[in-house]
Amino acid sequence: MSGDAAAEDALMEQVDSLIGQGYVEREKAVEVADAVPEVRARILDWLRLAFESGDWRRFERQAGVAVHLHPEGLGSILAPVLASRAQGVNSEDLIDMLGELRDSEGVEPISSLVRERKDSDGPFFALCIKGLQSLAEIGTPEALQFLRVVATSASGEWPDSLRWHAAEELGIEDELGFDEDLMLGGA
């Protein structure tokens, strides 16, 4: 390993140790960036390296820092990782991050994942609902169109729970005459 590569690896290790375990809150991300100022300039490269090597543990932890620092181009890294469906990737976290970033690059991989999982994510549809919420956060015409397609689909095309949540995100559940109890399986 060259001296530059060893130094870079040492910085990544330092960042990993500062991140610690669990969810990375904004305060923790800022603390890490203050302790290792190089993070702001290098985090995207580190995420690419983790993606290429399949080091999902490192990827997730550093993405947790990056999402709070909002570096330009983060969505361009997160969206392909979500689209890759790589074994070991935490799709729910990536969906949350893309929604938080409000990055239009997240629309296609999120909507594709929701389409793929609509028949297997039940009965609670946690991943799909998170996807619908993130699409609403992104708010582009394409994201809103996907929500509208789900909300206005014929009964049976999409699970009622997902139709309800899509309509709720658009604020059109009353307009569509949806009954929350019936659609969500309540009494």
C-alpha atoms as a PDB file:
ATOM      1  CA  MET A   1       0.000   0.000   0.000  1.00  0.00           C
ATOM      2  CA  SER A   2       1.420   3.380  -0.954  1.00  0.00           C
ATOM      3  CA  GLY A   3       1.872   6.128   1.612  1.00  0.00           C
ATOM      4  CA  ASP A   4      -1.077   8.090   0.176  1.00  0.00           C
ATOM      5  CA  ALA A   5      -3.338   5.050   0.263  1.00  0.00           C
ATOM      6  CA  ALA A   6      -2.238   4.205   3.812  1.00  0.00           C
ATOM      7  CA  ALA A   7      -2.923   7.783   4.931  1.00  0.00           C
ATOM      8  CA  GLU A   8      -6.336   7.745   3.269  1.00  0.00           C
ATOM      9  CA  ASP A   9      -7.186   4.410   4.899  1.00  0.00           C
ATOM     10  CA  ALA A  10      -6.071   5.788   8.278  1.00  0.00           C
ATOM     11  CA  LEU A  11      -8.418   8.780   7.827  1.00  0.00           C
ATOM     12  CA  MET A  12     -11.324   6.488   6.957  1.00  0.00           C
ATOM     13  CA  GLU A  13     -10.583   4.343  10.015  1.00  0.00           C
ATOM     14  CA  GLN A  14     -10.456   7.455  12.203  1.00  0.00           C
ATOM     15  CA  VAL A  15     -13.815   8.571  10.843  1.00  0.00           C
ATOM     16  CA  ASP A  16     -15.303   5.108  11.381  1.00  0.00           C
ATOM     17  CA  SER A  17     -14.170   5.096  15.004  1.00  0.00           C
ATOM     18  CA  LEU A  18     -15.591   8.594  15.588  1.00  0.00           C
ATOM     19  CA  ILE A  19     -18.944   7.634  14.089  1.00  0.00           C
ATOM     20  CA  GLY A  20     -19.408   4.829  16.596  1.00  0.00           C
ATOM     21  CA  GLN A  21     -22.434   2.544  16.513  1.00  0.00           C
ATOM     22  CA  GLY A  22     -26.061   3.144  15.655  1.00  0.00           C
ATOM     23  CA  TYR A  23     -27.891   5.913  13.884  1.00  0.00           C
ATOM     24  CA  VAL A  24     -25.814   8.953  12.930  1.00  0.00           C
ATOM     25  CA  GLU A  25     -27.589  12.100  14.022  1.00  0.00           C
ATOM     26  CA  ARG A  26     -26.767  15.537  12.643  1.00  0.00           C
ATOM     27  CA  GLU A  27     -24.820  16.487  15.753  1.00  0.00           C
ATOM     28  CA  LYS A  28     -22.632  13.398  15.428  1.00  0.00           C
ATOM     29  CA  ALA A  29     -21.995  14.109  11.722  1.00  0.00           C
ATOM     30  CA  VAL A  30     -20.912  17.665  12.488  1.00  0.00           C
ATOM     31  CA  GLU A  31     -18.734  16.426  15.358  1.00  0.00           C
ATOM     32  CA  VAL A  32     -17.010  13.951  13.013  1.00  0.00           C
ATOM     33  CA  ALA A  33     -16.502  16.625  10.338  1.00  0.00           C
ATOM     34  CA  ASP A  34     -15.075  19.040  12.890  1.00  0.00           C
ATOM     35  CA  ALA A  35     -12.674  16.400  14.225  1.00  0.00           C
ATOM     36  CA  VAL A  36     -11.587  15.303  10.729  1.00  0.00           C
ATOM     37  CA  PRO A  37     -12.035  18.311   8.404  1.00  0.00           C
ATOM     38  CA  GLU A  38     -10.970  16.214   5.395  1.00  0.00           C
ATOM     39  CA  VAL A  39     -14.334  14.441   5.647  1.00  0.00           C
ATOM     40  CA  ARG A  40     -16.135  17.240   3.836  1.00  0.00           C
ATOM     41  CA  ALA A  41     -13.824  17.039   0.819  1.00  0.00           C
ATOM     42  CA  ARG A  42     -13.347  13.258   0.704  1.00  0.00           C
ATOM     43  CA  ILE A  43     -16.552  11.622   1.887  1.00  0.00           C
ATOM     44  CA  LEU A  44     -17.915  11.097  -1.632  1.00  0.00           C
ATOM     45  CA  ASP A  45     -14.712   9.372  -2.732  1.00  0.00           C
ATOM     46  CA  TRP A  46     -14.809   7.190   0.381  1.00  0.00           C
ATOM     47  CA  LEU A  47     -18.401   6.230  -0.354  1.00  0.00           C
ATOM     48  CA  ARG A  48     -17.449   5.282  -3.911  1.00  0.00           C
ATOM     49  CA  LEU A  49     -14.616   3.116  -2.577  1.00  0.00           C
ATOM     50  CA  ALA A  50     -16.917   1.402  -0.084  1.00  0.00           C
ATOM     51  CA  PHE A  51     -19.478   0.820  -2.847  1.00  0.00           C
ATOM     52  CA  GLU A  52     -16.889  -0.638  -5.218  1.00  0.00           C
ATOM     53  CA  SER A  53     -15.500  -2.939  -2.523  1.00  0.00           C
ATOM     54  CA  GLY A  54     -18.941  -3.945  -1.219  1.00  0.00           C
ATOM     55  CA  ASP A  55     -18.077  -2.715   2.280  1.00  0.00           C
ATOM     56  CA  TRP A  56     -21.700  -1.927   3.205  1.00  0.00           C
ATOM     57  CA  ARG A  57     -20.971  -1.434   6.905  1.00  0.00           C
ATOM     58  CA  ARG A  58     -18.549   1.370   6.113  1.00  0.00           C
ATOM     59  CA  PHE A  59     -20.779   2.692   3.335  1.00  0.00           C
ATOM     60  CA  GLU A  60     -23.818   3.000   5.605  1.00  0.00           C
ATOM     61  CA  ARG A  61     -21.939   4.640   8.433  1.00  0.00           C
ATOM     62  CA  GLN A  62     -20.231   7.170   6.187  1.00  0.00           C
ATOM     63  CA  ALA A  63     -23.421   7.806   4.213  1.00  0.00           C
ATOM     64  CA  GLY A  64     -25.029   8.586   7.575  1.00  0.00           C
ATOM     65  CA  VAL A  65     -22.456  11.329   8.048  1.00  0.00           C
ATOM     66  CA  ALA A  66     -22.644  12.533   4.449  1.00  0.00           C
ATOM     67  CA  VAL A  67     -26.415  12.949   4.400  1.00  0.00           C
ATOM     68  CA  HIS A  68     -26.125  15.563   7.154  1.00  0.00           C
ATOM     69  CA  LEU A  69     -23.267  17.379   5.431  1.00  0.00           C
ATOM     70  CA  HIS A  70     -25.132  17.492   2.078  1.00  0.00           C
ATOM     71  CA  PRO A  71     -22.128  17.313  -0.243  1.00  0.00           C
ATOM     72  CA  GLU A  72     -22.955  18.047  -3.874  1.00  0.00           C
ATOM     73  CA  GLY A  73     -23.290  14.732  -5.725  1.00  0.00           C
ATOM     74  CA  LEU A  74     -24.322  12.517  -2.803  1.00  0.00           C
ATOM     75  CA  GLY A  75     -27.565  11.510  -4.522  1.00  0.00           C
ATOM     76  CA  SER A  76     -25.528  10.367  -7.532  1.00  0.00           C
ATOM     77  CA  ILE A  77     -23.835   7.843  -5.260  1.00  0.00           C
ATOM     78  CA  LEU A  78     -26.793   6.746  -3.136  1.00  0.00           C
ATOM     79  CA  ALA A  79     -29.236   6.219  -6.030  1.00  0.00           C
ATOM     80  CA  PRO A  80     -27.095   3.655  -7.907  1.00  0.00           C
ATOM     81  CA  VAL A  81     -26.409   1.776  -4.684  1.00  0.00           C
ATOM     82  CA  LEU A  82     -30.150   1.498  -4.056  1.00  0.00           C
ATOM     83  CA  ALA A  83     -30.701   0.488  -7.685  1.00  0.00           C
ATOM     84  CA  SER A  84     -27.991  -2.180  -7.453  1.00  0.00           C
ATOM     85  CA  ARG A  85     -30.032  -4.282  -4.976  1.00  0.00           C
ATOM     86  CA  ALA A  86     -26.664  -5.452  -3.636  1.00  0.00           C
ATOM     87  CA  GLN A  87     -26.826  -8.041  -0.886  1.00  0.00           C
ATOM     88  CA  GLY A  88     -26.224  -6.366   2.488  1.00  0.00           C
ATOM     89  CA  VAL A  89     -27.409  -2.892   1.527  1.00  0.00           C
ATOM     90  CA  ASN A  90     -29.887  -1.316   3.930  1.00  0.00           C
ATOM     91  CA  SER A  91     -32.490  -0.144   1.414  1.00  0.00           C
ATOM     92  CA  GLU A  92     -34.685   1.535   4.020  1.00  0.00           C
ATOM     93  CA  ASP A  93     -31.874   3.816   5.136  1.00  0.00           C
ATOM     94  CA  LEU A  94     -30.985   4.718   1.552  1.00  0.00           C
ATOM     95  CA  ILE A  95     -34.626   5.515   0.805  1.00  0.00           C
ATOM     96  CA  ASP A  96     -34.713   7.786   3.858  1.00  0.00           C
ATOM     97  CA  MET A  97     -31.482   9.495   2.849  1.00  0.00           C
ATOM     98  CA  LEU A  98     -32.609  10.125  -0.730  1.00  0.00           C
ATOM     99  CA  GLY A  99     -35.866  11.565   0.572  1.00  0.00           C
ATOM    100  CA  GLU A 100     -34.048  13.772   3.039  1.00  0.00           C
ATOM    101  CA  LEU A 101     -31.761  15.018   0.282  1.00  0.00           C
ATOM    102  CA  ARG A 102     -34.792  15.658  -1.939  1.00  0.00           C
ATOM    103  CA  ASP A 103     -32.620  14.468  -4.798  1.00  0.00           C
ATOM    104  CA  SER A 104     -34.436  13.780  -8.066  1.00  0.00           C
ATOM    105  CA  GLU A 105     -31.956  10.979  -8.817  1.00  0.00           C
ATOM    106  CA  GLY A 106     -33.711   8.984  -6.115  1.00  0.00           C
ATOM    107  CA  VAL A 107     -37.074   8.883  -7.898  1.00  0.00           C
ATOM    108  CA  GLU A 108     -36.366   6.007 -10.291  1.00  0.00           C
ATOM    109  CA  PRO A 109     -34.635   3.626  -7.865  1.00  0.00           C
ATOM    110  CA  ILE A 110     -37.181   4.289  -5.115  1.00  0.00           C
ATOM    111  CA  SER A 111     -40.212   3.905  -7.374  1.00  0.00           C
ATOM    112  CA  SER A 112     -38.716   0.758  -8.941  1.00  0.00           C
ATOM    113  CA  LEU A 113     -38.133  -0.765  -5.522  1.00  0.00           C
ATOM    114  CA  VAL A 114     -41.687   0.066  -4.426  1.00  0.00           C
ATOM    115  CA  ARG A 115     -43.053  -1.541  -7.621  1.00  0.00           C
ATOM    116  CA  GLU A 116     -40.926  -4.657  -7.030  1.00  0.00           C
ATOM    117  CA  ARG A 117     -41.868  -5.007  -3.373  1.00  0.00           C
ATOM    118  CA  LYS A 118     -45.564  -4.068  -3.446  1.00  0.00           C
ATOM    119  CA  ASP A 119     -46.626  -7.704  -3.485  1.00  0.00           C
ATOM    120  CA  SER A 120     -44.070  -9.027  -1.001  1.00  0.00           C
ATOM    121  CA  ASP A 121     -43.659  -6.248   1.570  1.00  0.00           C
ATOM    122  CA  GLY A 122     -47.002  -6.861   3.265  1.00  0.00           C
ATOM    123  CA  PRO A 123     -48.811  -7.021   5.473  1.00  0.00           C
ATOM    124  CA  PHE A 124     -47.306  -3.844   6.944  1.00  0.00           C
ATOM    125  CA  PHE A 125     -45.503  -2.493   3.824  1.00  0.00           C
ATOM    126  CA  ALA A 126     -42.867  -0.677   5.873  1.00  0.00           C
ATOM    127  CA  LEU A 127     -40.349  -0.371   3.038  1.00  0.00           C
ATOM    128  CA  CYS A 128     -42.956   0.594   0.455  1.00  0.00           C
ATOM    129  CA  ILE A 129     -44.542   3.218   2.708  1.00  0.00           C
ATOM    130  CA  LYS A 130     -41.115   4.665   3.455  1.00  0.00           C
ATOM    131  CA  GLY A 131     -40.566   4.823  -0.319  1.00  0.00           C
ATOM    132  CA  LEU A 132     -43.845   6.653  -0.873  1.00  0.00           C
ATOM    133  CA  GLN A 133     -42.993   9.132   1.884  1.00  0.00           C
ATOM    134  CA  SER A 134     -39.546   9.770   0.416  1.00  0.00           C
ATOM    135  CA  LEU A 135     -41.011  10.310  -3.042  1.00  0.00           C
ATOM    136  CA  ALA A 136     -43.346  12.909  -1.530  1.00  0.00           C
ATOM    137  CA  GLU A 137     -40.339  14.584   0.107  1.00  0.00           C
ATOM    138  CA  ILE A 138     -38.471  14.632  -3.200  1.00  0.00           C
ATOM    139  CA  GLY A 139     -41.562  16.230  -4.704  1.00  0.00           C
ATOM    140  CA  THR A 140     -40.519  16.369  -8.364  1.00  0.00           C
ATOM    141  CA  PRO A 141     -43.214  16.017 -11.012  1.00  0.00           C
ATOM    142  CA  GLU A 142     -41.997  12.441 -11.667  1.00  0.00           C
ATOM    143  CA  ALA A 143     -42.173  11.545  -7.974  1.00  0.00           C
ATOM    144  CA  LEU A 144     -45.635  13.040  -7.586  1.00  0.00           C
ATOM    145  CA  GLN A 145     -46.825  11.300 -10.768  1.00  0.00           C
ATOM    146  CA  PHE A 146     -45.728   7.945  -9.362  1.00  0.00           C
ATOM    147  CA  LEU A 147     -47.684   8.656  -6.170  1.00  0.00           C
ATOM    148  CA  ARG A 148     -50.720   9.638  -8.240  1.00  0.00           C
ATOM    149  CA  VAL A 149     -50.510   6.411 -10.279  1.00  0.00           C
ATOM    150  CA  VAL A 150     -50.449   4.348  -7.084  1.00  0.00           C
ATOM    151  CA  ALA A 151     -53.221   6.355  -5.396  1.00  0.00           C
ATOM    152  CA  THR A 152     -55.579   6.288  -8.367  1.00  0.00           C
ATOM    153  CA  SER A 153     -54.936   2.708  -9.425  1.00  0.00           C
ATOM    154  CA  ALA A 154     -57.849   0.327  -9.571  1.00  0.00           C
ATOM    155  CA  SER A 155     -58.509  -1.751  -6.497  1.00  0.00           C
ATOM    156  CA  GLY A 156     -56.359  -4.858  -6.746  1.00  0.00           C
ATOM    157  CA  GLU A 157     -53.620  -3.281  -8.881  1.00  0.00           C
ATOM    158  CA  TRP A 158     -51.880  -2.011  -5.769  1.00  0.00           C
ATOM    159  CA  PRO A 159     -52.493  -3.007  -2.148  1.00  0.00           C
ATOM    160  CA  ASP A 160     -55.106  -0.737  -0.571  1.00  0.00           C
ATOM    161  CA  SER A 161     -52.673   0.276   2.155  1.00  0.00           C
ATOM    162  CA  LEU A 162     -50.244   1.638  -0.434  1.00  0.00           C
ATOM    163  CA  ARG A 163     -53.029   3.339  -2.373  1.00  0.00           C
ATOM    164  CA  TRP A 164     -54.088   5.042   0.875  1.00  0.00           C
ATOM    165  CA  HIS A 165     -50.566   6.175   1.798  1.00  0.00           C
ATOM    166  CA  ALA A 166     -49.874   7.507  -1.703  1.00  0.00           C
ATOM    167  CA  ALA A 167     -53.160   9.435  -1.644  1.00  0.00           C
ATOM    168  CA  GLU A 168     -52.393  10.739   1.837  1.00  0.00           C
ATOM    169  CA  GLU A 169     -48.963  11.979   0.718  1.00  0.00           C
ATOM    170  CA  LEU A 170     -50.693  13.855  -2.114  1.00  0.00           C
ATOM    171  CA  GLY A 171     -53.513  15.066   0.154  1.00  0.00           C
ATOM    172  CA  ILE A 172     -56.177  13.554  -2.110  1.00  0.00           C
ATOM    173  CA  GLU A 173     -57.533  10.706   0.023  1.00  0.00           C
ATOM    174  CA  ASP A 174     -60.836  12.519   0.674  1.00  0.00           C
ATOM    175  CA  GLU A 175     -61.139  13.534  -2.979  1.00  0.00           C
ATOM    176  CA  LEU A 176     -60.798   9.861  -3.939  1.00  0.00           C
ATOM    177  CA  GLY A 177     -63.425   8.871  -1.352  1.00  0.00           C
ATOM    178  CA  PHE A 178     -61.023   6.599   0.508  1.00  0.00           C
ATOM    179  CA  ASP A 179     -62.097   5.204   3.864  1.00  0.00           C
ATOM    180  CA  GLU A 180     -59.004   4.968   6.052  1.00  0.00           C
ATOM    181  CA  ASP A 181     -60.326   2.154   8.232  1.00  0.00           C
ATOM    182  CA  LEU A 182     -61.310   0.018   5.267  1.00  0.00           C
ATOM    183  CA  MET A 183     -58.123   0.640   3.312  1.00  0.00           C
ATOM    184  CA  LEU A 184     -55.781   0.110   6.229  1.00  0.00           C
ATOM    185  CA  GLY A 185     -57.621  -2.930   7.562  1.00  0.00           C
ATOM    186  CA  GLY A 186     -59.120  -1.282  10.633  1.00  0.00           C
ATOM    187  CA  ALA A 187     -62.563  -1.877  12.068  1.00  0.00           C
END
